[in-house]
Amino acid sequence: MPYSRTDIDETKTAKVYGKNMNISPKHSREICNTIKGMKIERAKELLESTIKIETPIPFKRYYKKVGHKKGLSKWFAGRYPVKASTNLLKLLKEAEANAEYKGLNTTKLRIIHASAYRGRVIPGFMPRAFGRASPYNKELTNVEIIVEER
């Protein structure tokens, strides 16, 4: 798979790539920016509490018309992206399994790279009044995560 980061040591890292995932590109980008640099256990706890709607994810780029949330530090706007958090939690568990298969210590894993970007678009149309139709496209997302034993 085409990872955007190539300066990694293959013996100490494990990678996972989610291609054409049916999640929001904006939500997944904000989650990836939040979990980047975290230990994998802390990131899994954060995503699980986001799924339970306990801990918000700070929205730092796509924050227009996003309300303030209690529990955020150093930022004000946040949301609870449950669908994206569920899919990214699955990817984190896959990355941990890949690291375990490579013989890495799973308690020392840290996320060194997490990025999400727009994938392909599934075109669709929504019927409107008077025989017209408006485009109603579905955007898919590609996510890549690299963890390293530190």
C-alpha atoms as a PDB file:
ATOM      1  CA  MET A   1       0.000   0.000   0.000  1.00  0.00           C
ATOM      2  CA  PRO A   2       1.230   3.514  -0.669  1.00  0.00           C
ATOM      3  CA  TYR A   3       2.098   4.932   2.744  1.00  0.00           C
ATOM      4  CA  SER A   4       2.873   8.635   2.842  1.00  0.00           C
ATOM      5  CA  ARG A   5       5.737   8.130   5.297  1.00  0.00           C
ATOM      6  CA  THR A   6       8.765   6.166   4.147  1.00  0.00           C
ATOM      7  CA  ASP A   7      11.471   7.053   6.715  1.00  0.00           C
ATOM      8  CA  ILE A   8      10.632   4.289   9.187  1.00  0.00           C
ATOM      9  CA  ASP A   9      12.532   1.298  10.535  1.00  0.00           C
ATOM     10  CA  GLU A  10      10.642  -1.809   9.419  1.00  0.00           C
ATOM     11  CA  THR A  11      11.965  -3.935  12.299  1.00  0.00           C
ATOM     12  CA  LYS A  12      10.489  -1.687  15.031  1.00  0.00           C
ATOM     13  CA  THR A  13       7.227  -0.669  13.364  1.00  0.00           C
ATOM     14  CA  ALA A  14       3.892  -2.168  12.383  1.00  0.00           C
ATOM     15  CA  LYS A  15       1.549  -0.665   9.804  1.00  0.00           C
ATOM     16  CA  VAL A  16      -2.132  -0.827   8.988  1.00  0.00           C
ATOM     17  CA  TYR A  17      -4.021   0.701   6.065  1.00  0.00           C
ATOM     18  CA  GLY A  18      -7.779   1.129   5.826  1.00  0.00           C
ATOM     19  CA  LYS A  19      -8.799   1.625   2.222  1.00  0.00           C
ATOM     20  CA  ASN A  20     -12.140   3.067   1.103  1.00  0.00           C
ATOM     21  CA  MET A  21     -13.701   3.094   4.558  1.00  0.00           C
ATOM     22  CA  ASN A  22     -17.268   4.368   4.766  1.00  0.00           C
ATOM     23  CA  ILE A  23     -16.548   7.116   7.329  1.00  0.00           C
ATOM     24  CA  SER A  24     -16.337  10.879   7.201  1.00  0.00           C
ATOM     25  CA  PRO A  25     -12.964  12.184   5.956  1.00  0.00           C
ATOM     26  CA  LYS A  26     -13.252  15.240   8.199  1.00  0.00           C
ATOM     27  CA  HIS A  27     -14.047  13.268  11.340  1.00  0.00           C
ATOM     28  CA  SER A  28     -11.313  10.721  10.690  1.00  0.00           C
ATOM     29  CA  ARG A  29      -8.758  13.481  10.077  1.00  0.00           C
ATOM     30  CA  GLU A  30      -9.547  15.120  13.406  1.00  0.00           C
ATOM     31  CA  ILE A  31      -9.323  11.776  15.220  1.00  0.00           C
ATOM     32  CA  CYS A  32      -5.980  10.970  13.565  1.00  0.00           C
ATOM     33  CA  ASN A  33      -4.559  14.337  14.615  1.00  0.00           C
ATOM     34  CA  THR A  34      -5.712  13.691  18.178  1.00  0.00           C
ATOM     35  CA  ILE A  35      -4.255  10.182  18.549  1.00  0.00           C
ATOM     36  CA  LYS A  36      -0.957  10.894  16.788  1.00  0.00           C
ATOM     37  CA  GLY A  37       1.890  10.582  19.289  1.00  0.00           C
ATOM     38  CA  MET A  38      -0.175   8.713  21.896  1.00  0.00           C
ATOM     39  CA  LYS A  39       0.566   5.283  23.282  1.00  0.00           C
ATOM     40  CA  ILE A  40      -1.740   2.744  21.701  1.00  0.00           C
ATOM     41  CA  GLU A  41      -3.462   1.863  24.996  1.00  0.00           C
ATOM     42  CA  ARG A  42      -4.276   5.528  25.691  1.00  0.00           C
ATOM     43  CA  ALA A  43      -5.603   5.981  22.138  1.00  0.00           C
ATOM     44  CA  LYS A  44      -7.848   2.922  22.490  1.00  0.00           C
ATOM     45  CA  GLU A  45      -9.215   4.235  25.795  1.00  0.00           C
ATOM     46  CA  LEU A  46      -9.914   7.623  24.205  1.00  0.00           C
ATOM     47  CA  LEU A  47     -11.761   6.102  21.252  1.00  0.00           C
ATOM     48  CA  GLU A  48     -13.788   3.787  23.491  1.00  0.00           C
ATOM     49  CA  SER A  49     -14.867   6.716  25.679  1.00  0.00           C
ATOM     50  CA  THR A  50     -15.723   8.710  22.541  1.00  0.00           C
ATOM     51  CA  ILE A  51     -17.938   5.853  21.356  1.00  0.00           C
ATOM     52  CA  LYS A  52     -19.712   5.957  24.749  1.00  0.00           C
ATOM     53  CA  ILE A  53     -20.105   9.761  24.303  1.00  0.00           C
ATOM     54  CA  GLU A  54     -18.009  10.578  27.362  1.00  0.00           C
ATOM     55  CA  THR A  55     -14.873  12.236  25.931  1.00  0.00           C
ATOM     56  CA  PRO A  56     -15.093  14.596  22.933  1.00  0.00           C
ATOM     57  CA  ILE A  57     -12.577  14.770  20.098  1.00  0.00           C
ATOM     58  CA  PRO A  58     -11.265  18.324  19.560  1.00  0.00           C
ATOM     59  CA  PHE A  59     -12.042  19.671  16.095  1.00  0.00           C
ATOM     60  CA  LYS A  60      -9.162  21.972  15.169  1.00  0.00           C
ATOM     61  CA  ARG A  61      -9.547  22.362  11.408  1.00  0.00           C
ATOM     62  CA  TYR A  62     -13.225  21.717  10.718  1.00  0.00           C
ATOM     63  CA  TYR A  63     -14.577  23.664  13.709  1.00  0.00           C
ATOM     64  CA  LYS A  64     -17.085  26.052  12.113  1.00  0.00           C
ATOM     65  CA  LYS A  65     -20.530  25.777  13.718  1.00  0.00           C
ATOM     66  CA  VAL A  66     -19.200  23.150  16.143  1.00  0.00           C
ATOM     67  CA  GLY A  67     -20.277  23.726  19.717  1.00  0.00           C
ATOM     68  CA  HIS A  68     -18.008  23.950  22.737  1.00  0.00           C
ATOM     69  CA  LYS A  69     -17.668  20.737  24.683  1.00  0.00           C
ATOM     70  CA  LYS A  70     -16.890  20.179  28.331  1.00  0.00           C
ATOM     71  CA  GLY A  71     -13.787  18.110  28.983  1.00  0.00           C
ATOM     72  CA  LEU A  72     -11.513  19.549  26.309  1.00  0.00           C
ATOM     73  CA  SER A  73      -8.197  21.069  27.290  1.00  0.00           C
ATOM     74  CA  LYS A  74      -6.436  23.763  25.235  1.00  0.00           C
ATOM     75  CA  TRP A  75      -9.316  23.818  22.733  1.00  0.00           C
ATOM     76  CA  PHE A  76     -13.010  24.646  22.706  1.00  0.00           C
ATOM     77  CA  ALA A  77     -14.788  22.974  19.754  1.00  0.00           C
ATOM     78  CA  GLY A  78     -15.385  19.255  19.752  1.00  0.00           C
ATOM     79  CA  ARG A  79     -17.697  16.433  18.769  1.00  0.00           C
ATOM     80  CA  TYR A  80     -18.311  12.746  19.373  1.00  0.00           C
ATOM     81  CA  PRO A  81     -17.671  11.047  15.982  1.00  0.00           C
ATOM     82  CA  VAL A  82     -18.927   7.574  16.908  1.00  0.00           C
ATOM     83  CA  LYS A  83     -18.837   5.900  13.482  1.00  0.00           C
ATOM     84  CA  ALA A  84     -15.314   7.084  12.660  1.00  0.00           C
ATOM     85  CA  SER A  85     -14.096   6.237  16.178  1.00  0.00           C
ATOM     86  CA  THR A  86     -15.457   2.694  15.879  1.00  0.00           C
ATOM     87  CA  ASN A  87     -13.675   2.080  12.585  1.00  0.00           C
ATOM     88  CA  LEU A  88     -10.403   3.644  13.747  1.00  0.00           C
ATOM     89  CA  LEU A  89     -10.530   1.561  16.935  1.00  0.00           C
ATOM     90  CA  LYS A  90     -10.709  -1.559  14.744  1.00  0.00           C
ATOM     91  CA  LEU A  91      -7.666  -0.319  12.814  1.00  0.00           C
ATOM     92  CA  LEU A  92      -5.738   0.271  16.048  1.00  0.00           C
ATOM     93  CA  LYS A  93      -6.496  -3.277  17.175  1.00  0.00           C
ATOM     94  CA  GLU A  94      -5.288  -4.564  13.792  1.00  0.00           C
ATOM     95  CA  ALA A  95      -2.072  -2.535  14.125  1.00  0.00           C
ATOM     96  CA  GLU A  96      -1.532  -3.999  17.582  1.00  0.00           C
ATOM     97  CA  ALA A  97      -2.079  -7.514  16.213  1.00  0.00           C
ATOM     98  CA  ASN A  98       0.387  -6.833  13.386  1.00  0.00           C
ATOM     99  CA  ALA A  99       2.967  -5.658  15.929  1.00  0.00           C
ATOM    100  CA  GLU A 100       2.410  -8.752  18.052  1.00  0.00           C
ATOM    101  CA  TYR A 101       2.859 -10.945  14.967  1.00  0.00           C
ATOM    102  CA  LYS A 102       6.179  -9.190  14.245  1.00  0.00           C
ATOM    103  CA  GLY A 103       7.335  -9.911  17.789  1.00  0.00           C
ATOM    104  CA  LEU A 104       7.138  -6.351  19.134  1.00  0.00           C
ATOM    105  CA  ASN A 105       6.251  -5.522  22.735  1.00  0.00           C
ATOM    106  CA  THR A 106       2.641  -4.321  22.575  1.00  0.00           C
ATOM    107  CA  THR A 107       2.835  -2.398  25.869  1.00  0.00           C
ATOM    108  CA  LYS A 108       5.493  -0.051  24.451  1.00  0.00           C
ATOM    109  CA  LEU A 109       3.733   0.796  21.170  1.00  0.00           C
ATOM    110  CA  ARG A 110       3.356   4.454  20.251  1.00  0.00           C
ATOM    111  CA  ILE A 111       1.490   5.875  17.247  1.00  0.00           C
ATOM    112  CA  ILE A 112       4.099   7.719  15.189  1.00  0.00           C
ATOM    113  CA  HIS A 113       1.976   8.310  12.092  1.00  0.00           C
ATOM    114  CA  ALA A 114      -1.781   8.557  11.627  1.00  0.00           C
ATOM    115  CA  SER A 115      -3.330  10.225   8.620  1.00  0.00           C
ATOM    116  CA  ALA A 116      -6.693  10.186   6.919  1.00  0.00           C
ATOM    117  CA  TYR A 117      -7.513  11.510   3.493  1.00  0.00           C
ATOM    118  CA  ARG A 118     -10.327  11.353   1.004  1.00  0.00           C
ATOM    119  CA  GLY A 119     -10.698   8.163  -0.994  1.00  0.00           C
ATOM    120  CA  ARG A 120     -12.857   7.536  -4.000  1.00  0.00           C
ATOM    121  CA  VAL A 121     -16.331   8.981  -4.488  1.00  0.00           C
ATOM    122  CA  ILE A 122     -19.349   6.782  -5.151  1.00  0.00           C
ATOM    123  CA  PRO A 123     -21.620   8.873  -7.375  1.00  0.00           C
ATOM    124  CA  GLY A 124     -25.315   8.923  -6.638  1.00  0.00           C
ATOM    125  CA  PHE A 125     -28.381  11.007  -7.342  1.00  0.00           C
ATOM    126  CA  MET A 126     -31.332  12.117  -5.257  1.00  0.00           C
ATOM    127  CA  PRO A 127     -34.641  12.552  -7.097  1.00  0.00           C
ATOM    128  CA  ARG A 128     -36.142  16.015  -6.749  1.00  0.00           C
ATOM    129  CA  ALA A 129     -39.376  17.666  -7.756  1.00  0.00           C
ATOM    130  CA  PHE A 130     -40.452  18.133 -11.377  1.00  0.00           C
ATOM    131  CA  GLY A 131     -38.280  15.294 -12.718  1.00  0.00           C
ATOM    132  CA  ARG A 132     -34.951  16.790 -11.684  1.00  0.00           C
ATOM    133  CA  ALA A 133     -32.138  15.071  -9.794  1.00  0.00           C
ATOM    134  CA  SER A 134     -29.375  16.415  -7.569  1.00  0.00           C
ATOM    135  CA  PRO A 135     -26.017  14.735  -7.020  1.00  0.00           C
ATOM    136  CA  TYR A 136     -25.818  12.817  -3.763  1.00  0.00           C
ATOM    137  CA  ASN A 137     -22.307  11.411  -3.645  1.00  0.00           C
ATOM    138  CA  LYS A 138     -20.772   9.232  -0.938  1.00  0.00           C
ATOM    139  CA  GLU A 139     -17.170  10.006  -0.001  1.00  0.00           C
ATOM    140  CA  LEU A 140     -14.944   7.211   1.235  1.00  0.00           C
ATOM    141  CA  THR A 141     -11.822   7.612   3.358  1.00  0.00           C
ATOM    142  CA  ASN A 142      -8.336   6.094   3.355  1.00  0.00           C
ATOM    143  CA  VAL A 143      -6.607   5.825   6.731  1.00  0.00           C
ATOM    144  CA  GLU A 144      -3.024   4.808   7.461  1.00  0.00           C
ATOM    145  CA  ILE A 145      -1.569   4.182  10.919  1.00  0.00           C
ATOM    146  CA  ILE A 146       2.031   3.315  11.821  1.00  0.00           C
ATOM    147  CA  VAL A 147       2.990   2.250  15.349  1.00  0.00           C
ATOM    148  CA  GLU A 148       6.518   1.949  16.705  1.00  0.00           C
ATOM    149  CA  GLU A 149       7.972   0.152  19.698  1.00  0.00           C
ATOM    150  CA  ARG A 150       9.629   2.708  21.996  1.00  0.00           C
END
